[in-house]
Protein backbone atom coordinates (compact mmCIF):
# COMPACT_ATOMS: atom_id res chain seq x y z
CA UNK A 1 -14.20 12.30 7.38
CA UNK A 2 -11.98 9.94 5.42
CA UNK A 3 -9.07 8.58 7.42
CA UNK A 4 -6.38 6.16 6.31
CA UNK A 5 -3.83 4.86 8.80
CA UNK A 6 -0.88 2.79 7.60
CA UNK A 7 1.19 0.49 9.78
CA UNK A 8 3.66 -2.36 9.50
CA UNK A 9 6.73 -0.63 8.13
CA UNK A 10 10.21 -1.07 9.51
CA UNK A 11 13.78 -2.11 8.85
CA UNK A 12 14.29 -5.43 7.07
CA UNK A 13 17.24 -7.17 5.45
CA UNK A 14 17.33 -7.79 1.70
CA UNK A 15 15.29 -10.87 0.87
CA UNK A 16 13.04 -10.35 3.87
CA UNK A 17 9.31 -9.73 4.11
CA UNK A 18 6.94 -7.18 5.57
CA UNK A 19 3.17 -6.84 5.65
CA UNK A 20 1.73 -3.37 5.53
CA UNK A 21 -1.79 -2.56 6.68
CA UNK A 22 -4.01 0.42 5.97
CA UNK A 23 -7.05 0.86 8.21
CA UNK A 24 -9.77 2.98 6.63
CA UNK A 25 -12.69 4.87 8.12
CA UNK A 26 -15.13 7.61 7.19
CA UNK A 27 -16.44 5.99 4.01
CA UNK A 28 -18.01 2.76 2.80
CA UNK A 29 -14.76 0.87 2.30
CA UNK A 30 -16.19 -2.02 0.28
CA UNK A 31 -17.36 0.30 -2.49
CA UNK A 32 -13.99 1.83 -3.38
CA UNK A 33 -10.83 0.66 -5.12
CA UNK A 34 -7.75 1.05 -2.96
CA UNK A 35 -4.13 1.64 -3.89
CA UNK A 36 -0.65 1.54 -2.42
CA UNK A 37 1.96 4.07 -3.50
CA UNK A 38 5.52 4.68 -2.44
CA UNK A 39 7.94 7.57 -2.49
CA UNK A 40 11.68 7.20 -2.19
CA UNK A 41 13.93 10.14 -1.26
CA UNK A 42 14.36 12.48 -4.22
CA UNK A 43 11.87 10.58 -6.36
CA UNK A 44 8.27 11.06 -7.35
CA UNK A 45 5.50 9.10 -5.69
CA UNK A 46 4.71 5.98 -7.72
CA UNK A 47 1.88 3.48 -7.86
CA UNK A 48 2.83 0.12 -6.39
CA UNK A 49 -0.43 -1.84 -6.48
CA UNK A 50 -4.18 -1.42 -6.73
CA UNK A 51 -7.20 -3.55 -5.92
CA UNK A 52 -10.71 -3.22 -7.31
CA UNK A 53 -13.77 -3.01 -5.10
CA UNK A 54 -16.11 -5.06 -7.27
CA UNK A 55 -14.22 -8.20 -8.21
CA UNK A 56 -11.02 -7.83 -6.23
CA UNK A 57 -8.92 -7.68 -9.36
CA UNK A 58 -5.43 -6.35 -8.85
CA UNK A 59 -2.69 -4.54 -10.73
CA UNK A 60 0.98 -4.07 -9.94
CA UNK A 61 3.95 -2.01 -10.97
CA UNK A 62 6.36 -4.07 -13.04
CA UNK A 63 9.04 -3.59 -10.40
CA UNK A 64 7.06 -5.48 -7.76
CA UNK A 65 5.19 -8.12 -9.79
CA UNK A 66 5.69 -11.57 -8.36
CA UNK A 67 7.00 -10.19 -5.05
CA UNK A 68 4.19 -8.03 -3.65
CA UNK A 69 0.54 -8.95 -3.10
CA UNK A 70 -2.28 -6.51 -2.39
CA UNK A 71 -5.42 -7.73 -0.66
CA UNK A 72 -8.38 -6.33 1.21
CA UNK A 73 -10.68 -7.32 4.07
CA UNK A 74 -13.93 -5.43 3.64
CA UNK A 75 -15.22 -6.60 7.02
CA UNK A 76 -12.24 -4.90 8.67
CA UNK A 77 -12.07 -1.94 6.26
CA UNK A 78 -8.41 -2.72 5.77
CA UNK A 79 -6.15 -3.10 2.76
CA UNK A 80 -2.87 -4.98 2.98
CA UNK A 81 0.38 -5.13 1.07
CA UNK A 82 2.41 -8.29 1.53
CA UNK A 83 5.97 -7.62 0.43
CA UNK A 84 8.35 -10.54 -0.11
CA UNK A 85 11.89 -10.80 -1.46
CA UNK A 86 12.48 -7.18 -0.55
CA UNK A 87 15.29 -5.29 -2.24
CA UNK A 88 17.17 -2.14 -1.19
CA UNK A 89 15.42 -0.29 -4.01
CA UNK A 90 12.08 -0.95 -2.29
CA UNK A 91 13.14 1.48 0.45
CA UNK A 92 10.53 4.24 0.56
CA UNK A 93 7.62 5.68 2.47
CA UNK A 94 4.54 3.66 1.59
CA UNK A 95 1.11 5.29 1.41
CA UNK A 96 -2.39 3.99 0.85
CA UNK A 97 -4.85 6.01 -1.16
CA UNK A 98 -8.54 6.15 -1.96
CA UNK A 99 -10.24 8.32 -4.55
CA UNK A 100 -13.65 9.44 -3.39
CA UNK A 101 -15.84 12.10 -4.91
CA UNK A 102 -13.09 13.19 -7.30
CA UNK A 103 -10.65 13.78 -4.42
CA UNK A 104 -7.64 11.70 -3.42
CA UNK A 105 -7.20 10.85 0.24
CA UNK A 106 -3.85 9.68 1.60
CA UNK A 107 -2.62 8.20 4.82
CA UNK A 108 0.42 9.54 6.67
CA UNK A 109 2.66 6.82 5.29
CA UNK A 110 4.84 4.15 6.82
CA UNK A 111 8.61 3.90 6.31
CA UNK A 112 10.07 0.74 4.81
CA UNK A 113 13.85 0.44 4.85
CA UNK A 114 15.59 -2.51 3.23
CA UNK A 115 19.21 -2.68 4.28
CA UNK A 116 21.77 -5.10 5.61
């Protein structure tokens, strides 16, 4: 079955960096686009970044453009989110997601807290 396991979250000061990882299993990773979402307390879950499976093209939310970078390693079945110049408003639980066979699969999430 599809499994997604996020890691790499934590507490970081404003202006700092974190690298999130999402290890995937249970499907042919290289064939599927992957996405990162986040959900802050009291807010709806929002798309942060996505990466295509075919050409590796990427897309980002306006709020993170120029600061976050999504990448993937198909040999390791892992998608990454490099987050630089973090701001307090980036505080949220971050999830990776894959859509397979018309169903969305989510990981358990990893908490990112940006605070001094």
